[in-house]
Amino acid sequence: KHPQFIETRHRRGYQFIAAVSRESATAPAAEARTSGAISSIAVLPFADMSPSHDQEYLCEGLAEELINALTQVDGLRVAARTASFQFRGKGEDVRIVGEQLKVEALLEGSVRKADDRLRVTVQLIEVASGYHRWSHRFDGQFKDVFAMQDEIAESVATSLRGDDVSPR
């Protein structure tokens, strides 16, 4: 009896004994996923998760600011606002939405307001897999909403350029 992969070691347990080799060729899809480059994106309307659901104007404004900032990133195609906003509140699978918009990634998020505090969560999702690539949370005061929108837009644009962005 000659084991090929795992061998029993008396009073010690098991030992992996198979030969291990590393393949140098990577599949094109795997290489594209790990390269980090995104060439097309759509910004979906942000969800209003405030208790009174009265922040839709802020959600739309934030998405529009992000679209504006992302159009400044060289080599990045950004889906039109009207094309992206047709999916508001539909709850469709992100893979289907991405395929319909012909983009590689979706940017979505949520807005929550409590008194004068504001919390915005932004998520970048790969269309091919449906998984999050990253998610960031931003907290601030409602009186500084425009400064907060600028900070979020710059942070997202910077991360898509390939620079490291650390959450606050």
C-alpha atoms as a PDB file:
ATOM      1  CA  LYS A   1       0.000   0.000   0.000  1.00  0.00           C
ATOM      2  CA  HIS A   2       1.674   3.168  -1.265  1.00  0.00           C
ATOM      3  CA  PRO A   3      -0.237   6.415  -0.656  1.00  0.00           C
ATOM      4  CA  GLN A   4      -0.002   9.126  -3.331  1.00  0.00           C
ATOM      5  CA  PHE A   5      -1.219  12.236  -1.512  1.00  0.00           C
ATOM      6  CA  ILE A   6      -1.545  11.787   2.252  1.00  0.00           C
ATOM      7  CA  GLU A   7       0.366   9.479   4.510  1.00  0.00           C
ATOM      8  CA  THR A   8      -0.632   8.441   8.031  1.00  0.00           C
ATOM      9  CA  ARG A   9       2.041   9.104  10.654  1.00  0.00           C
ATOM     10  CA  HIS A  10       1.704   6.813  13.665  1.00  0.00           C
ATOM     11  CA  ARG A  11       0.722   8.821  16.755  1.00  0.00           C
ATOM     12  CA  ARG A  12       1.357  12.127  14.894  1.00  0.00           C
ATOM     13  CA  GLY A  13      -1.458  12.520  12.389  1.00  0.00           C
ATOM     14  CA  TYR A  14      -1.255  12.947   8.637  1.00  0.00           C
ATOM     15  CA  GLN A  15       1.321  14.342   6.239  1.00  0.00           C
ATOM     16  CA  PHE A  16       0.794  15.653   2.730  1.00  0.00           C
ATOM     17  CA  ILE A  17       3.318  13.872   0.487  1.00  0.00           C
ATOM     18  CA  ALA A  18       2.237  14.666  -3.084  1.00  0.00           C
ATOM     19  CA  ALA A  19       4.531  16.645  -5.351  1.00  0.00           C
ATOM     20  CA  VAL A  20       3.523  20.298  -5.664  1.00  0.00           C
ATOM     21  CA  SER A  21       4.207  22.317  -8.780  1.00  0.00           C
ATOM     22  CA  ARG A  22       3.450  25.914  -9.658  1.00  0.00           C
ATOM     23  CA  GLU A  23       1.904  26.738 -13.016  1.00  0.00           C
ATOM     24  CA  SER A  24       3.243  29.891 -14.594  1.00  0.00           C
ATOM     25  CA  ALA A  25       0.420  30.519 -17.041  1.00  0.00           C
ATOM     26  CA  THR A  26      -2.642  32.265 -15.627  1.00  0.00           C
ATOM     27  CA  ALA A  27      -6.040  32.302 -17.203  1.00  0.00           C
ATOM     28  CA  PRO A  28      -6.901  35.603 -18.919  1.00  0.00           C
ATOM     29  CA  ALA A  29     -10.010  36.081 -16.773  1.00  0.00           C
ATOM     30  CA  ALA A  30      -8.051  35.558 -13.563  1.00  0.00           C
ATOM     31  CA  GLU A  31      -5.385  37.957 -14.745  1.00  0.00           C
ATOM     32  CA  ALA A  32      -7.987  40.624 -15.517  1.00  0.00           C
ATOM     33  CA  ARG A  33      -9.532  40.244 -12.068  1.00  0.00           C
ATOM     34  CA  THR A  34      -6.240  40.656 -10.259  1.00  0.00           C
ATOM     35  CA  SER A  35      -4.835  43.427 -12.420  1.00  0.00           C
ATOM     36  CA  GLY A  36      -7.105  45.955 -10.730  1.00  0.00           C
ATOM     37  CA  ALA A  37      -7.808  47.873 -13.929  1.00  0.00           C
ATOM     38  CA  ILE A  38     -11.416  48.867 -14.522  1.00  0.00           C
ATOM     39  CA  SER A  39     -12.173  50.452 -17.877  1.00  0.00           C
ATOM     40  CA  SER A  40     -15.927  51.052 -17.505  1.00  0.00           C
ATOM     41  CA  ILE A  41     -18.224  51.837 -14.598  1.00  0.00           C
ATOM     42  CA  ALA A  42     -21.777  52.903 -13.802  1.00  0.00           C
ATOM     43  CA  VAL A  43     -22.828  54.832 -10.706  1.00  0.00           C
ATOM     44  CA  LEU A  44     -26.199  53.662  -9.437  1.00  0.00           C
ATOM     45  CA  PRO A  45     -28.493  55.895  -7.353  1.00  0.00           C
ATOM     46  CA  PHE A  46     -27.649  55.622  -3.684  1.00  0.00           C
ATOM     47  CA  ALA A  47     -30.230  54.118  -1.330  1.00  0.00           C
ATOM     48  CA  ASP A  48     -31.863  56.435   1.202  1.00  0.00           C
ATOM     49  CA  MET A  49     -31.671  54.497   4.461  1.00  0.00           C
ATOM     50  CA  SER A  50     -32.612  57.394   6.728  1.00  0.00           C
ATOM     51  CA  PRO A  51     -35.480  56.681   9.125  1.00  0.00           C
ATOM     52  CA  SER A  52     -37.781  59.200   7.419  1.00  0.00           C
ATOM     53  CA  HIS A  53     -36.584  58.414   3.858  1.00  0.00           C
ATOM     54  CA  ASP A  54     -36.324  62.129   3.055  1.00  0.00           C
ATOM     55  CA  GLN A  55     -32.776  62.199   1.652  1.00  0.00           C
ATOM     56  CA  GLU A  56     -33.408  61.128  -1.949  1.00  0.00           C
ATOM     57  CA  TYR A  57     -32.179  64.483  -3.271  1.00  0.00           C
ATOM     58  CA  LEU A  58     -28.919  63.934  -1.417  1.00  0.00           C
ATOM     59  CA  CYS A  59     -28.631  60.386  -2.765  1.00  0.00           C
ATOM     60  CA  GLU A  60     -29.073  61.588  -6.333  1.00  0.00           C
ATOM     61  CA  GLY A  61     -26.728  64.531  -5.833  1.00  0.00           C
ATOM     62  CA  LEU A  62     -24.025  62.284  -4.448  1.00  0.00           C
ATOM     63  CA  ALA A  63     -24.325  59.864  -7.367  1.00  0.00           C
ATOM     64  CA  GLU A  64     -24.152  62.780  -9.795  1.00  0.00           C
ATOM     65  CA  GLU A  65     -21.029  64.166  -8.086  1.00  0.00           C
ATOM     66  CA  LEU A  66     -19.412  60.741  -8.355  1.00  0.00           C
ATOM     67  CA  ILE A  67     -20.265  60.506 -12.050  1.00  0.00           C
ATOM     68  CA  ASN A  68     -18.721  63.939 -12.551  1.00  0.00           C
ATOM     69  CA  ALA A  69     -15.535  63.000 -10.671  1.00  0.00           C
ATOM     70  CA  LEU A  70     -15.162  59.648 -12.417  1.00  0.00           C
ATOM     71  CA  THR A  71     -15.389  61.191 -15.874  1.00  0.00           C
ATOM     72  CA  GLN A  72     -12.109  62.926 -14.996  1.00  0.00           C
ATOM     73  CA  VAL A  73     -10.274  59.595 -14.639  1.00  0.00           C
ATOM     74  CA  ASP A  74      -8.259  58.923 -17.814  1.00  0.00           C
ATOM     75  CA  GLY A  75      -9.238  55.734 -19.630  1.00  0.00           C
ATOM     76  CA  LEU A  76     -12.417  55.206 -17.589  1.00  0.00           C
ATOM     77  CA  ARG A  77     -15.735  55.088 -19.427  1.00  0.00           C
ATOM     78  CA  VAL A  78     -18.643  56.180 -17.224  1.00  0.00           C
ATOM     79  CA  ALA A  79     -22.233  55.251 -18.052  1.00  0.00           C
ATOM     80  CA  ALA A  80     -24.630  58.165 -18.431  1.00  0.00           C
ATOM     81  CA  ARG A  81     -26.682  59.255 -15.439  1.00  0.00           C
ATOM     82  CA  THR A  82     -29.991  58.590 -17.192  1.00  0.00           C
ATOM     83  CA  ALA A  83     -28.890  55.081 -18.154  1.00  0.00           C
ATOM     84  CA  SER A  84     -27.782  54.268 -14.594  1.00  0.00           C
ATOM     85  CA  PHE A  85     -30.734  55.880 -12.827  1.00  0.00           C
ATOM     86  CA  GLN A  86     -33.281  53.745 -14.669  1.00  0.00           C
ATOM     87  CA  PHE A  87     -32.395  50.991 -12.167  1.00  0.00           C
ATOM     88  CA  ARG A  88     -33.364  53.075  -9.107  1.00  0.00           C
ATOM     89  CA  GLY A  89     -35.178  50.955  -6.561  1.00  0.00           C
ATOM     90  CA  LYS A  90     -35.539  47.915  -8.830  1.00  0.00           C
ATOM     91  CA  GLY A  91     -33.308  45.614  -6.785  1.00  0.00           C
ATOM     92  CA  GLU A  92     -32.020  43.725  -9.823  1.00  0.00           C
ATOM     93  CA  ASP A  93     -28.965  41.486  -9.678  1.00  0.00           C
ATOM     94  CA  VAL A  94     -25.823  43.601 -10.129  1.00  0.00           C
ATOM     95  CA  ARG A  95     -24.551  41.223 -12.806  1.00  0.00           C
ATOM     96  CA  ILE A  96     -27.657  41.807 -14.913  1.00  0.00           C
ATOM     97  CA  VAL A  97     -27.506  45.578 -14.386  1.00  0.00           C
ATOM     98  CA  GLY A  98     -23.825  45.644 -15.353  1.00  0.00           C
ATOM     99  CA  GLU A  99     -24.434  43.575 -18.466  1.00  0.00           C
ATOM    100  CA  GLN A 100     -27.300  45.832 -19.559  1.00  0.00           C
ATOM    101  CA  LEU A 101     -25.149  48.939 -19.040  1.00  0.00           C
ATOM    102  CA  LYS A 102     -22.131  47.225 -20.651  1.00  0.00           C
ATOM    103  CA  VAL A 103     -19.783  48.072 -17.777  1.00  0.00           C
ATOM    104  CA  GLU A 104     -17.209  46.105 -15.784  1.00  0.00           C
ATOM    105  CA  ALA A 105     -18.045  47.608 -12.400  1.00  0.00           C
ATOM    106  CA  LEU A 106     -20.878  49.253 -10.516  1.00  0.00           C
ATOM    107  CA  LEU A 107     -20.623  51.858  -7.807  1.00  0.00           C
ATOM    108  CA  GLU A 108     -23.492  51.870  -5.360  1.00  0.00           C
ATOM    109  CA  GLY A 109     -24.078  52.875  -1.801  1.00  0.00           C
ATOM    110  CA  SER A 110     -26.376  54.174   0.869  1.00  0.00           C
ATOM    111  CA  VAL A 111     -26.999  57.392   2.769  1.00  0.00           C
ATOM    112  CA  ARG A 112     -28.136  57.593   6.387  1.00  0.00           C
ATOM    113  CA  LYS A 113     -28.933  60.779   8.273  1.00  0.00           C
ATOM    114  CA  ALA A 114     -29.544  61.070  11.998  1.00  0.00           C
ATOM    115  CA  ASP A 115     -30.018  64.579  13.371  1.00  0.00           C
ATOM    116  CA  ASP A 116     -27.122  66.522  11.851  1.00  0.00           C
ATOM    117  CA  ARG A 117     -24.890  63.481  11.302  1.00  0.00           C
ATOM    118  CA  LEU A 118     -24.491  61.835   7.926  1.00  0.00           C
ATOM    119  CA  ARG A 119     -23.102  58.408   7.043  1.00  0.00           C
ATOM    120  CA  VAL A 120     -22.424  57.389   3.444  1.00  0.00           C
ATOM    121  CA  THR A 121     -21.310  53.903   2.437  1.00  0.00           C
ATOM    122  CA  VAL A 122     -19.840  53.424  -1.038  1.00  0.00           C
ATOM    123  CA  GLN A 123     -19.261  50.004  -2.627  1.00  0.00           C
ATOM    124  CA  LEU A 124     -17.445  49.017  -5.801  1.00  0.00           C
ATOM    125  CA  ILE A 125     -18.805  45.797  -7.270  1.00  0.00           C
ATOM    126  CA  GLU A 126     -17.303  43.692 -10.060  1.00  0.00           C
ATOM    127  CA  VAL A 127     -20.022  42.856 -12.566  1.00  0.00           C
ATOM    128  CA  ALA A 128     -18.458  39.561 -13.707  1.00  0.00           C
ATOM    129  CA  SER A 129     -18.477  38.015 -10.242  1.00  0.00           C
ATOM    130  CA  GLY A 130     -21.101  40.069  -8.435  1.00  0.00           C
ATOM    131  CA  TYR A 131     -18.696  40.459  -5.514  1.00  0.00           C
ATOM    132  CA  HIS A 132     -17.537  43.603  -3.753  1.00  0.00           C
ATOM    133  CA  ARG A 133     -14.086  44.808  -4.703  1.00  0.00           C
ATOM    134  CA  TRP A 134     -14.105  47.305  -1.851  1.00  0.00           C
ATOM    135  CA  SER A 135     -16.388  49.269   0.427  1.00  0.00           C
ATOM    136  CA  HIS A 136     -15.744  52.515   2.280  1.00  0.00           C
ATOM    137  CA  ARG A 137     -17.706  54.365   4.942  1.00  0.00           C
ATOM    138  CA  PHE A 138     -17.702  58.149   5.305  1.00  0.00           C
ATOM    139  CA  ASP A 139     -19.060  59.992   8.342  1.00  0.00           C
ATOM    140  CA  GLY A 140     -19.613  63.718   8.635  1.00  0.00           C
ATOM    141  CA  GLN A 141     -21.886  66.575   9.576  1.00  0.00           C
ATOM    142  CA  PHE A 142     -24.850  67.452   7.400  1.00  0.00           C
ATOM    143  CA  LYS A 143     -23.784  71.110   7.334  1.00  0.00           C
ATOM    144  CA  ASP A 144     -20.620  69.975   5.475  1.00  0.00           C
ATOM    145  CA  VAL A 145     -22.516  67.875   2.911  1.00  0.00           C
ATOM    146  CA  PHE A 146     -20.820  69.431  -0.139  1.00  0.00           C
ATOM    147  CA  ALA A 147     -17.355  68.976   1.330  1.00  0.00           C
ATOM    148  CA  MET A 148     -18.278  65.391   2.155  1.00  0.00           C
ATOM    149  CA  GLN A 149     -19.503  64.780  -1.424  1.00  0.00           C
ATOM    150  CA  ASP A 150     -16.208  66.153  -2.743  1.00  0.00           C
ATOM    151  CA  GLU A 151     -14.220  63.936  -0.354  1.00  0.00           C
ATOM    152  CA  ILE A 152     -16.135  60.818  -1.387  1.00  0.00           C
ATOM    153  CA  ALA A 153     -15.846  61.595  -5.103  1.00  0.00           C
ATOM    154  CA  GLU A 154     -12.091  62.243  -4.836  1.00  0.00           C
ATOM    155  CA  SER A 155     -11.576  59.102  -2.762  1.00  0.00           C
ATOM    156  CA  VAL A 156     -13.400  56.910  -5.284  1.00  0.00           C
ATOM    157  CA  ALA A 157     -11.634  58.502  -8.250  1.00  0.00           C
ATOM    158  CA  THR A 158      -8.255  58.090  -6.542  1.00  0.00           C
ATOM    159  CA  SER A 159      -8.874  54.410  -5.812  1.00  0.00           C
ATOM    160  CA  LEU A 160      -9.935  53.756  -9.406  1.00  0.00           C
ATOM    161  CA  ARG A 161      -6.731  55.384 -10.659  1.00  0.00           C
ATOM    162  CA  GLY A 162      -4.952  52.622  -8.745  1.00  0.00           C
ATOM    163  CA  ASP A 163      -3.746  54.636  -5.792  1.00  0.00           C
ATOM    164  CA  ASP A 164      -4.219  53.283  -2.302  1.00  0.00           C
ATOM    165  CA  VAL A 165      -7.172  54.725  -0.440  1.00  0.00           C
ATOM    166  CA  SER A 166      -7.616  54.019   3.227  1.00  0.00           C
ATOM    167  CA  PRO A 167     -11.036  54.395   4.817  1.00  0.00           C
ATOM    168  CA  ARG A 168     -11.537  57.115   7.400  1.00  0.00           C
END
